[in-house]
Amino acid sequence: MFRRTFWFTAGAAAGVWATTKVNRKLKQLTPESLAAQAANKAIETGHRLKDFALDVRDGMVQREAELGDALGLEAPVEQDRALPAQRRLAALPHKHSYNRNEDY
């Protein structure tokens, strides 16, 4: 008798557990639930993409600063050293320009 009661109770508990699992799964598969899950995944993906873009931007700024330091582009200009004067090419006046397409 004790054995029958044990197996009856175990079967009833398994049935309740299985029914609860099936009902939860059915609620997860309703259109409203699926839409909410998709929206949550989209929002999560958007946040991850934003974080990735910010990390890339930070890396770009850091690398640009490293390159600027390496090339001396960020170096301050010394006050006592003046910039060189702007050079201009002197245009020599030509009496006659040569054009090989002209007939002489």
N, C-alpha and C. Protein backbone atom coordinates (compact mmCIF):
# COMPACT_ATOMS: atom_id res chain seq x y z
N MET A 1 0.81 -1.19 0.00
CA MET A 1 0.00 0.00 0.00
C MET A 1 0.86 1.26 0.00
N PHE A 2 1.93 1.23 0.79
CA PHE A 2 2.81 2.39 0.85
C PHE A 2 3.46 2.65 -0.50
N ARG A 3 3.82 1.58 -1.21
CA ARG A 3 4.45 1.70 -2.52
C ARG A 3 3.48 2.35 -3.51
N ARG A 4 2.23 1.96 -3.48
CA ARG A 4 1.23 2.55 -4.39
C ARG A 4 1.03 4.03 -4.09
N THR A 5 0.98 4.39 -2.85
CA THR A 5 0.81 5.80 -2.46
C THR A 5 2.00 6.62 -2.93
N PHE A 6 3.20 6.07 -2.77
CA PHE A 6 4.41 6.77 -3.21
C PHE A 6 4.37 7.03 -4.72
N TRP A 7 4.06 6.01 -5.50
CA TRP A 7 4.06 6.18 -6.96
C TRP A 7 2.90 7.06 -7.41
N PHE A 8 1.78 7.00 -6.73
CA PHE A 8 0.67 7.89 -7.06
C PHE A 8 1.07 9.35 -6.82
N THR A 9 1.70 9.61 -5.71
CA THR A 9 2.14 10.97 -5.37
C THR A 9 3.23 11.43 -6.34
N ALA A 10 4.16 10.56 -6.68
CA ALA A 10 5.22 10.91 -7.63
C ALA A 10 4.62 11.20 -9.00
N GLY A 11 3.66 10.43 -9.44
CA GLY A 11 3.01 10.67 -10.73
C GLY A 11 2.22 11.96 -10.75
N ALA A 12 1.52 12.26 -9.64
CA ALA A 12 0.76 13.50 -9.55
C ALA A 12 1.70 14.70 -9.56
N ALA A 13 2.82 14.61 -8.85
CA ALA A 13 3.79 15.71 -8.83
C ALA A 13 4.42 15.91 -10.21
N ALA A 14 4.72 14.82 -10.90
CA ALA A 14 5.28 14.93 -12.25
C ALA A 14 4.26 15.54 -13.20
N GLY A 15 3.01 15.19 -13.04
CA GLY A 15 1.95 15.77 -13.88
C GLY A 15 1.79 17.26 -13.64
N VAL A 16 1.82 17.67 -12.39
CA VAL A 16 1.72 19.11 -12.06
C VAL A 16 2.93 19.85 -12.62
N TRP A 17 4.11 19.28 -12.45
CA TRP A 17 5.33 19.91 -12.96
C TRP A 17 5.28 20.04 -14.48
N ALA A 18 4.88 18.98 -15.17
CA ALA A 18 4.82 19.00 -16.63
C ALA A 18 3.76 19.99 -17.12
N THR A 19 2.62 20.04 -16.45
CA THR A 19 1.56 20.97 -16.84
C THR A 19 2.04 22.41 -16.66
N THR A 20 2.75 22.68 -15.58
CA THR A 20 3.27 24.03 -15.34
C THR A 20 4.28 24.42 -16.42
N LYS A 21 5.17 23.50 -16.76
CA LYS A 21 6.17 23.77 -17.81
C LYS A 21 5.51 24.04 -19.14
N VAL A 22 4.53 23.24 -19.51
CA VAL A 22 3.84 23.41 -20.80
C VAL A 22 3.11 24.74 -20.83
N ASN A 23 2.42 25.10 -19.75
CA ASN A 23 1.70 26.37 -19.71
C ASN A 23 2.65 27.56 -19.82
N ARG A 24 3.81 27.49 -19.15
CA ARG A 24 4.80 28.57 -19.28
C ARG A 24 5.29 28.70 -20.72
N LYS A 25 5.57 27.57 -21.33
CA LYS A 25 6.07 27.59 -22.71
C LYS A 25 5.01 28.14 -23.66
N LEU A 26 3.75 27.78 -23.45
CA LEU A 26 2.67 28.30 -24.29
C LEU A 26 2.52 29.81 -24.13
N LYS A 27 2.69 30.31 -22.89
CA LYS A 27 2.63 31.76 -22.68
C LYS A 27 3.79 32.47 -23.36
N GLN A 28 4.96 31.81 -23.41
CA GLN A 28 6.11 32.42 -24.08
C GLN A 28 5.93 32.46 -25.58
N LEU A 29 5.10 31.60 -26.13
CA LEU A 29 4.93 31.52 -27.57
C LEU A 29 3.74 32.30 -28.09
N THR A 30 3.08 33.08 -27.23
CA THR A 30 1.99 33.93 -27.72
C THR A 30 2.58 35.07 -28.54
N PRO A 31 1.84 35.60 -29.50
CA PRO A 31 2.36 36.70 -30.33
C PRO A 31 2.83 37.91 -29.52
N GLU A 32 2.09 38.25 -28.46
CA GLU A 32 2.48 39.40 -27.64
C GLU A 32 3.82 39.16 -26.95
N SER A 33 3.99 37.96 -26.44
CA SER A 33 5.24 37.62 -25.76
C SER A 33 6.41 37.58 -26.74
N LEU A 34 6.16 37.01 -27.92
CA LEU A 34 7.23 36.97 -28.93
C LEU A 34 7.62 38.38 -29.37
N ALA A 35 6.64 39.27 -29.51
CA ALA A 35 6.94 40.66 -29.90
C ALA A 35 7.74 41.36 -28.81
N ALA A 36 7.38 41.13 -27.57
CA ALA A 36 8.12 41.75 -26.46
C ALA A 36 9.55 41.22 -26.40
N GLN A 37 9.72 39.92 -26.62
CA GLN A 37 11.08 39.36 -26.62
C GLN A 37 11.91 39.93 -27.75
N ALA A 38 11.30 40.07 -28.93
CA ALA A 38 12.03 40.63 -30.07
C ALA A 38 12.41 42.08 -29.81
N ALA A 39 11.49 42.84 -29.21
CA ALA A 39 11.79 44.24 -28.90
C ALA A 39 12.92 44.34 -27.88
N ASN A 40 12.90 43.49 -26.87
CA ASN A 40 13.98 43.51 -25.88
C ASN A 40 15.32 43.15 -26.50
N LYS A 41 15.33 42.17 -27.40
CA LYS A 41 16.58 41.79 -28.07
C LYS A 41 17.07 42.93 -28.96
N ALA A 42 16.15 43.61 -29.64
CA ALA A 42 16.54 44.73 -30.51
C ALA A 42 17.14 45.87 -29.69
N ILE A 43 16.53 46.16 -28.56
CA ILE A 43 17.05 47.23 -27.70
C ILE A 43 18.42 46.85 -27.16
N GLU A 44 18.56 45.60 -26.74
CA GLU A 44 19.86 45.12 -26.24
C GLU A 44 20.93 45.19 -27.31
N THR A 45 20.58 44.80 -28.54
CA THR A 45 21.53 44.87 -29.65
C THR A 45 21.89 46.32 -29.96
N GLY A 46 20.92 47.21 -29.90
CA GLY A 46 21.20 48.63 -30.11
C GLY A 46 22.17 49.18 -29.09
N HIS A 47 21.99 48.80 -27.84
CA HIS A 47 22.91 49.26 -26.79
C HIS A 47 24.32 48.71 -27.03
N ARG A 48 24.39 47.45 -27.44
CA ARG A 48 25.71 46.87 -27.71
C ARG A 48 26.39 47.56 -28.89
N LEU A 49 25.63 47.88 -29.93
CA LEU A 49 26.21 48.59 -31.08
C LEU A 49 26.67 49.99 -30.70
N LYS A 50 25.88 50.66 -29.86
CA LYS A 50 26.27 52.00 -29.40
C LYS A 50 27.55 51.93 -28.59
N ASP A 51 27.65 50.95 -27.68
CA ASP A 51 28.87 50.78 -26.89
C ASP A 51 30.06 50.48 -27.78
N PHE A 52 29.85 49.65 -28.81
CA PHE A 52 30.93 49.33 -29.74
C PHE A 52 31.39 50.59 -30.49
N ALA A 53 30.43 51.39 -30.96
CA ALA A 53 30.78 52.61 -31.68
C ALA A 53 31.54 53.58 -30.78
N LEU A 54 31.13 53.68 -29.52
CA LEU A 54 31.85 54.57 -28.59
C LEU A 54 33.26 54.05 -28.31
N ASP A 55 33.41 52.73 -28.21
CA ASP A 55 34.75 52.16 -28.01
C ASP A 55 35.63 52.42 -29.23
N VAL A 56 35.07 52.30 -30.41
CA VAL A 56 35.84 52.56 -31.64
C VAL A 56 36.25 54.03 -31.68
N ARG A 57 35.34 54.91 -31.34
CA ARG A 57 35.65 56.35 -31.35
C ARG A 57 36.75 56.68 -30.34
N ASP A 58 36.67 56.08 -29.15
CA ASP A 58 37.72 56.31 -28.15
C ASP A 58 39.07 55.80 -28.64
N GLY A 59 39.06 54.63 -29.29
CA GLY A 59 40.29 54.09 -29.85
C GLY A 59 40.87 54.98 -30.94
N MET A 60 39.98 55.56 -31.76
CA MET A 60 40.44 56.45 -32.82
C MET A 60 41.10 57.70 -32.23
N VAL A 61 40.48 58.27 -31.22
CA VAL A 61 41.03 59.46 -30.58
C VAL A 61 42.38 59.15 -29.94
N GLN A 62 42.46 58.00 -29.27
CA GLN A 62 43.71 57.61 -28.63
C GLN A 62 44.80 57.40 -29.68
N ARG A 63 44.48 56.71 -30.75
CA ARG A 63 45.48 56.44 -31.80
C ARG A 63 45.90 57.73 -32.49
N GLU A 64 44.95 58.64 -32.71
CA GLU A 64 45.29 59.92 -33.33
C GLU A 64 46.25 60.71 -32.44
N ALA A 65 46.02 60.66 -31.13
CA ALA A 65 46.92 61.35 -30.20
C ALA A 65 48.31 60.71 -30.22
N GLU A 66 48.36 59.37 -30.29
CA GLU A 66 49.65 58.68 -30.36
C GLU A 66 50.40 59.06 -31.63
N LEU A 67 49.69 59.09 -32.75
CA LEU A 67 50.34 59.47 -34.01
C LEU A 67 50.78 60.93 -33.99
N GLY A 68 49.96 61.78 -33.41
CA GLY A 68 50.33 63.20 -33.31
C GLY A 68 51.58 63.39 -32.48
N ASP A 69 51.68 62.65 -31.38
CA ASP A 69 52.88 62.72 -30.55
C ASP A 69 54.10 62.17 -31.29
N ALA A 70 53.91 61.07 -32.00
CA ALA A 70 55.03 60.45 -32.71
C ALA A 70 55.53 61.32 -33.86
N LEU A 71 54.62 62.02 -34.51
CA LEU A 71 55.01 62.86 -35.64
C LEU A 71 55.30 64.30 -35.24
N GLY A 72 55.07 64.64 -33.99
CA GLY A 72 55.34 65.99 -33.53
C GLY A 72 54.30 66.99 -33.98
N LEU A 73 53.12 66.53 -34.31
CA LEU A 73 52.08 67.43 -34.78
C LEU A 73 51.41 68.17 -33.63
N GLU A 74 51.50 67.63 -32.47
CA GLU A 74 50.86 68.24 -31.31
C GLU A 74 51.84 69.10 -30.51
N ALA A 75 53.09 69.22 -30.98
CA ALA A 75 54.11 69.97 -30.24
C ALA A 75 53.78 71.45 -30.25
N PRO A 76 53.93 72.13 -29.10
CA PRO A 76 53.66 73.57 -29.07
C PRO A 76 54.73 74.35 -29.84
N VAL A 77 54.31 75.44 -30.45
CA VAL A 77 55.24 76.28 -31.22
C VAL A 77 56.03 77.13 -30.24
N GLU A 78 57.36 77.17 -30.40
CA GLU A 78 58.20 77.98 -29.54
C GLU A 78 58.02 79.45 -29.90
N GLN A 79 58.04 80.31 -28.88
CA GLN A 79 57.77 81.73 -29.09
C GLN A 79 58.96 82.45 -29.74
N ASP A 80 60.21 82.12 -29.38
CA ASP A 80 61.35 82.85 -29.90
C ASP A 80 61.75 82.38 -31.30
N ARG A 81 61.24 81.30 -31.75
CA ARG A 81 61.57 80.81 -33.08
C ARG A 81 60.45 81.19 -34.03
N ALA A 82 60.75 82.03 -34.98
CA ALA A 82 59.74 82.52 -35.92
C ALA A 82 59.56 81.51 -37.04
N LEU A 83 58.40 81.55 -37.63
CA LEU A 83 58.14 80.70 -38.78
C LEU A 83 58.91 81.20 -39.97
N PRO A 84 59.36 80.33 -40.87
CA PRO A 84 60.08 80.80 -42.04
C PRO A 84 59.17 81.62 -42.95
N ALA A 85 59.81 82.55 -43.65
CA ALA A 85 59.04 83.40 -44.56
C ALA A 85 58.51 82.56 -45.71
N GLN A 86 57.37 82.99 -46.22
CA GLN A 86 56.76 82.27 -47.32
C GLN A 86 57.61 82.46 -48.58
N ARG A 87 57.87 81.37 -49.26
CA ARG A 87 58.68 81.43 -50.47
C ARG A 87 57.79 81.66 -51.68
N ARG A 88 58.32 82.42 -52.61
CA ARG A 88 57.62 82.63 -53.87
C ARG A 88 58.58 82.32 -55.00
N LEU A 89 58.11 81.62 -55.95
CA LEU A 89 58.93 81.35 -57.12
C LEU A 89 58.91 82.57 -58.02
N ALA A 90 60.11 82.97 -58.41
CA ALA A 90 60.20 84.12 -59.31
C ALA A 90 59.87 83.66 -60.71
N ALA A 91 58.92 84.31 -61.31
CA ALA A 91 58.54 83.96 -62.67
C ALA A 91 59.47 84.71 -63.61
N LEU A 92 60.27 83.94 -64.34
CA LEU A 92 61.18 84.56 -65.30
C LEU A 92 60.41 84.88 -66.57
N PRO A 93 60.54 86.12 -67.02
CA PRO A 93 59.83 86.45 -68.25
C PRO A 93 60.50 85.77 -69.45
N HIS A 94 59.71 85.10 -70.25
CA HIS A 94 60.21 84.44 -71.44
C HIS A 94 59.87 85.28 -72.64
N LYS A 95 60.86 85.41 -73.52
CA LYS A 95 60.61 86.16 -74.75
C LYS A 95 59.68 85.38 -75.66
N HIS A 96 59.93 84.10 -75.72
CA HIS A 96 59.11 83.27 -76.58
C HIS A 96 58.92 81.93 -75.91
N SER A 97 57.72 81.54 -75.71
CA SER A 97 57.48 80.23 -75.13
C SER A 97 57.46 79.20 -76.24
N TYR A 98 58.00 78.08 -75.96
CA TYR A 98 58.11 77.04 -76.96
C TYR A 98 56.87 76.17 -76.89
N ASN A 99 56.24 76.00 -78.02
CA ASN A 99 55.11 75.10 -78.13
C ASN A 99 55.41 74.16 -79.28
N ARG A 100 55.63 72.92 -78.99
CA ARG A 100 56.03 72.00 -80.04
C ARG A 100 54.95 71.73 -81.03
N ASN A 101 53.72 72.14 -80.75
CA ASN A 101 52.63 71.92 -81.70
C ASN A 101 52.54 73.03 -82.74
N GLU A 102 53.32 74.10 -82.51
CA GLU A 102 53.29 75.18 -83.50
C GLU A 102 54.23 74.86 -84.65
N ASP A 103 53.88 75.32 -85.82
CA ASP A 103 54.75 75.19 -86.98
C ASP A 103 55.58 76.44 -87.10
N TYR A 104 56.88 76.26 -87.30
CA TYR A 104 57.77 77.42 -87.47
C TYR A 104 58.22 77.52 -88.89
